[in-house]
Amino acid sequence: MPFIEPQDRTEREELKVKIRPEVIREINEYADYLKSEQWYVVQELLRKSIAGDKEFTKWKAENPGVASAETKRTRAA
């Protein structure tokens, strides 16, 4: 069973990032394996990584609204 599920077709926003070439190769290979797009693989790996961070989950529960307020400021810039 793959670590992430195959791609769905929900709405998405753009985020520009710079990634090392060897990581991009791995992402592309994993996308081929899943028969999914590159952006989806990155998205799902990030989602699973963030969800698995117990300290962040605790911090987020203790600081409701802080992360969403920062996101709004970043997108407005």
N, C-alpha and C. Protein backbone atom coordinates (compact mmCIF):
# COMPACT_ATOMS: atom_id res chain seq x y z
N MET A 1 0.84 -1.18 0.00
CA MET A 1 0.00 0.00 0.00
C MET A 1 0.89 1.24 0.00
N PRO A 2 0.63 2.21 -0.88
CA PRO A 2 1.43 3.43 -0.93
C PRO A 2 1.26 4.26 0.35
N PHE A 3 2.25 5.09 0.64
CA PHE A 3 2.22 5.98 1.80
C PHE A 3 1.12 7.02 1.67
N ILE A 4 0.88 7.51 0.44
CA ILE A 4 -0.21 8.47 0.21
C ILE A 4 -1.16 7.88 -0.82
N GLU A 5 -2.40 8.33 -0.79
CA GLU A 5 -3.43 7.85 -1.70
C GLU A 5 -3.29 8.51 -3.07
N PRO A 6 -3.82 7.89 -4.12
CA PRO A 6 -3.80 8.51 -5.44
C PRO A 6 -4.51 9.87 -5.42
N GLN A 7 -4.17 10.68 -6.37
CA GLN A 7 -4.63 12.07 -6.47
C GLN A 7 -6.13 12.19 -6.63
N ASP A 8 -6.71 13.19 -5.95
CA ASP A 8 -8.09 13.57 -6.21
C ASP A 8 -8.06 14.86 -7.02
N ARG A 9 -9.19 15.42 -7.32
CA ARG A 9 -9.25 16.60 -8.21
C ARG A 9 -9.85 17.81 -7.52
N THR A 10 -9.45 18.08 -6.28
CA THR A 10 -9.99 19.23 -5.56
C THR A 10 -9.27 20.51 -5.97
N GLU A 11 -9.88 21.65 -5.62
CA GLU A 11 -9.30 22.95 -5.92
C GLU A 11 -7.97 23.12 -5.20
N ARG A 12 -7.06 23.90 -5.77
CA ARG A 12 -5.76 24.11 -5.15
C ARG A 12 -5.25 25.52 -5.44
N GLU A 13 -4.26 25.94 -4.63
CA GLU A 13 -3.60 27.23 -4.81
C GLU A 13 -2.15 26.97 -5.14
N GLU A 14 -1.48 27.97 -5.71
CA GLU A 14 -0.09 27.83 -6.10
C GLU A 14 0.85 28.28 -4.99
N LEU A 15 1.95 27.53 -4.83
CA LEU A 15 3.01 27.86 -3.88
C LEU A 15 4.33 27.60 -4.58
N LYS A 16 5.18 28.61 -4.68
CA LYS A 16 6.48 28.42 -5.34
C LYS A 16 7.51 28.03 -4.29
N VAL A 17 8.26 26.98 -4.58
CA VAL A 17 9.33 26.53 -3.69
C VAL A 17 10.53 26.10 -4.52
N LYS A 18 11.69 26.08 -3.90
CA LYS A 18 12.89 25.56 -4.54
C LYS A 18 13.25 24.27 -3.82
N ILE A 19 13.47 23.22 -4.61
CA ILE A 19 13.74 21.89 -4.07
C ILE A 19 14.99 21.34 -4.74
N ARG A 20 15.81 20.64 -3.99
CA ARG A 20 17.03 20.05 -4.52
C ARG A 20 16.70 19.06 -5.65
N PRO A 21 17.54 18.99 -6.67
CA PRO A 21 17.28 18.14 -7.83
C PRO A 21 17.05 16.66 -7.49
N GLU A 22 17.79 16.12 -6.53
CA GLU A 22 17.61 14.71 -6.19
C GLU A 22 16.25 14.44 -5.53
N VAL A 23 15.73 15.44 -4.82
CA VAL A 23 14.42 15.31 -4.22
C VAL A 23 13.35 15.38 -5.30
N ILE A 24 13.54 16.26 -6.27
CA ILE A 24 12.60 16.35 -7.39
C ILE A 24 12.54 15.03 -8.15
N ARG A 25 13.69 14.39 -8.35
CA ARG A 25 13.69 13.09 -9.02
C ARG A 25 12.86 12.07 -8.24
N GLU A 26 13.02 12.07 -6.93
CA GLU A 26 12.24 11.14 -6.09
C GLU A 26 10.75 11.46 -6.17
N ILE A 27 10.42 12.74 -6.14
CA ILE A 27 9.01 13.14 -6.25
C ILE A 27 8.44 12.69 -7.59
N ASN A 28 9.19 12.90 -8.66
CA ASN A 28 8.73 12.49 -9.98
C ASN A 28 8.54 10.97 -10.07
N GLU A 29 9.47 10.23 -9.50
CA GLU A 29 9.33 8.76 -9.51
C GLU A 29 8.12 8.32 -8.70
N TYR A 30 7.91 8.96 -7.56
CA TYR A 30 6.76 8.60 -6.73
C TYR A 30 5.45 8.97 -7.43
N ALA A 31 5.45 10.10 -8.12
CA ALA A 31 4.27 10.51 -8.89
C ALA A 31 3.98 9.50 -10.00
N ASP A 32 5.02 9.02 -10.68
CA ASP A 32 4.83 7.99 -11.70
C ASP A 32 4.25 6.73 -11.08
N TYR A 33 4.79 6.34 -9.94
CA TYR A 33 4.32 5.15 -9.23
C TYR A 33 2.84 5.26 -8.87
N LEU A 34 2.42 6.44 -8.42
CA LEU A 34 1.02 6.66 -8.03
C LEU A 34 0.12 7.02 -9.20
N LYS A 35 0.73 7.27 -10.36
CA LYS A 35 -0.02 7.77 -11.52
C LYS A 35 -0.74 9.07 -11.15
N SER A 36 0.01 9.95 -10.50
CA SER A 36 -0.51 11.23 -10.03
C SER A 36 0.44 12.34 -10.46
N GLU A 37 0.00 13.56 -10.25
CA GLU A 37 0.82 14.70 -10.63
C GLU A 37 1.81 15.05 -9.52
N GLN A 38 2.88 15.73 -9.92
CA GLN A 38 3.95 16.11 -9.01
C GLN A 38 3.42 16.94 -7.84
N TRP A 39 2.60 17.93 -8.12
CA TRP A 39 2.08 18.80 -7.07
C TRP A 39 1.32 18.01 -6.02
N TYR A 40 0.61 16.98 -6.46
CA TYR A 40 -0.19 16.19 -5.53
C TYR A 40 0.71 15.41 -4.57
N VAL A 41 1.78 14.85 -5.10
CA VAL A 41 2.71 14.10 -4.26
C VAL A 41 3.30 15.02 -3.19
N VAL A 42 3.75 16.20 -3.59
CA VAL A 42 4.31 17.15 -2.63
C VAL A 42 3.26 17.53 -1.58
N GLN A 43 2.07 17.84 -2.03
CA GLN A 43 0.98 18.22 -1.12
C GLN A 43 0.71 17.14 -0.09
N GLU A 44 0.57 15.91 -0.54
CA GLU A 44 0.21 14.83 0.38
C GLU A 44 1.34 14.47 1.33
N LEU A 45 2.57 14.52 0.84
CA LEU A 45 3.71 14.26 1.73
C LEU A 45 3.79 15.34 2.82
N LEU A 46 3.56 16.59 2.44
CA LEU A 46 3.55 17.66 3.43
C LEU A 46 2.39 17.50 4.41
N ARG A 47 1.20 17.18 3.90
CA ARG A 47 0.05 16.99 4.80
C ARG A 47 0.32 15.91 5.82
N LYS A 48 0.82 14.77 5.37
CA LYS A 48 1.09 13.65 6.28
C LYS A 48 2.20 14.00 7.26
N SER A 49 3.22 14.69 6.80
CA SER A 49 4.31 15.08 7.69
C SER A 49 3.82 16.03 8.77
N ILE A 50 3.06 17.03 8.38
CA ILE A 50 2.54 18.01 9.34
C ILE A 50 1.59 17.34 10.32
N ALA A 51 0.70 16.50 9.82
CA ALA A 51 -0.25 15.80 10.69
C ALA A 51 0.46 14.89 11.69
N GLY A 52 1.63 14.38 11.32
CA GLY A 52 2.37 13.49 12.19
C GLY A 52 3.24 14.20 13.21
N ASP A 53 3.31 15.53 13.15
CA ASP A 53 4.13 16.29 14.08
C ASP A 53 3.31 16.56 15.35
N LYS A 54 3.54 15.76 16.37
CA LYS A 54 2.75 15.84 17.61
C LYS A 54 2.93 17.18 18.32
N GLU A 55 4.15 17.72 18.30
CA GLU A 55 4.38 19.01 18.95
C GLU A 55 3.62 20.13 18.25
N PHE A 56 3.60 20.10 16.91
CA PHE A 56 2.85 21.11 16.17
C PHE A 56 1.36 20.97 16.44
N THR A 57 0.87 19.73 16.46
CA THR A 57 -0.55 19.49 16.74
C THR A 57 -0.94 20.07 18.10
N LYS A 58 -0.08 19.85 19.09
CA LYS A 58 -0.32 20.39 20.43
C LYS A 58 -0.29 21.92 20.40
N TRP A 59 0.74 22.49 19.74
CA TRP A 59 0.85 23.94 19.65
C TRP A 59 -0.38 24.55 18.97
N LYS A 60 -0.81 23.91 17.88
CA LYS A 60 -1.97 24.42 17.13
C LYS A 60 -3.22 24.42 17.99
N ALA A 61 -3.41 23.36 18.80
CA ALA A 61 -4.56 23.28 19.69
C ALA A 61 -4.51 24.36 20.77
N GLU A 62 -3.28 24.69 21.22
CA GLU A 62 -3.11 25.70 22.26
C GLU A 62 -3.15 27.13 21.72
N ASN A 63 -3.04 27.28 20.40
CA ASN A 63 -2.99 28.60 19.78
C ASN A 63 -3.98 28.70 18.62
N PRO A 64 -5.27 28.50 18.88
CA PRO A 64 -6.23 28.54 17.78
C PRO A 64 -6.25 29.91 17.09
N GLY A 65 -6.28 29.88 15.77
CA GLY A 65 -6.35 31.10 14.99
C GLY A 65 -5.01 31.74 14.67
N VAL A 66 -3.95 31.38 15.38
CA VAL A 66 -2.64 31.99 15.13
C VAL A 66 -2.14 31.64 13.75
N ALA A 67 -2.16 30.37 13.40
CA ALA A 67 -1.66 29.93 12.09
C ALA A 67 -2.51 30.49 10.97
N SER A 68 -3.82 30.51 11.13
CA SER A 68 -4.66 31.01 10.04
C SER A 68 -4.48 32.52 9.85
N ALA A 69 -4.23 33.26 10.92
CA ALA A 69 -3.98 34.70 10.80
C ALA A 69 -2.67 34.94 10.05
N GLU A 70 -1.65 34.15 10.34
CA GLU A 70 -0.37 34.29 9.63
C GLU A 70 -0.54 33.97 8.17
N THR A 71 -1.30 32.94 7.84
CA THR A 71 -1.53 32.56 6.46
C THR A 71 -2.20 33.71 5.71
N LYS A 72 -3.16 34.35 6.31
CA LYS A 72 -3.84 35.46 5.66
C LYS A 72 -2.87 36.61 5.39
N ARG A 73 -1.97 36.91 6.33
CA ARG A 73 -0.98 37.97 6.13
C ARG A 73 -0.03 37.62 5.01
N THR A 74 0.42 36.37 4.96
CA THR A 74 1.36 35.93 3.92
C THR A 74 0.73 36.01 2.54
N ARG A 75 -0.49 35.58 2.39
CA ARG A 75 -1.16 35.60 1.10
C ARG A 75 -1.47 37.01 0.63
N ALA A 76 -1.71 37.92 1.57
CA ALA A 76 -2.03 39.30 1.21
C ALA A 76 -0.80 40.05 0.71
N ALA A 77 0.37 39.60 1.09
CA ALA A 77 1.61 40.31 0.72
C ALA A 77 1.93 40.18 -0.75
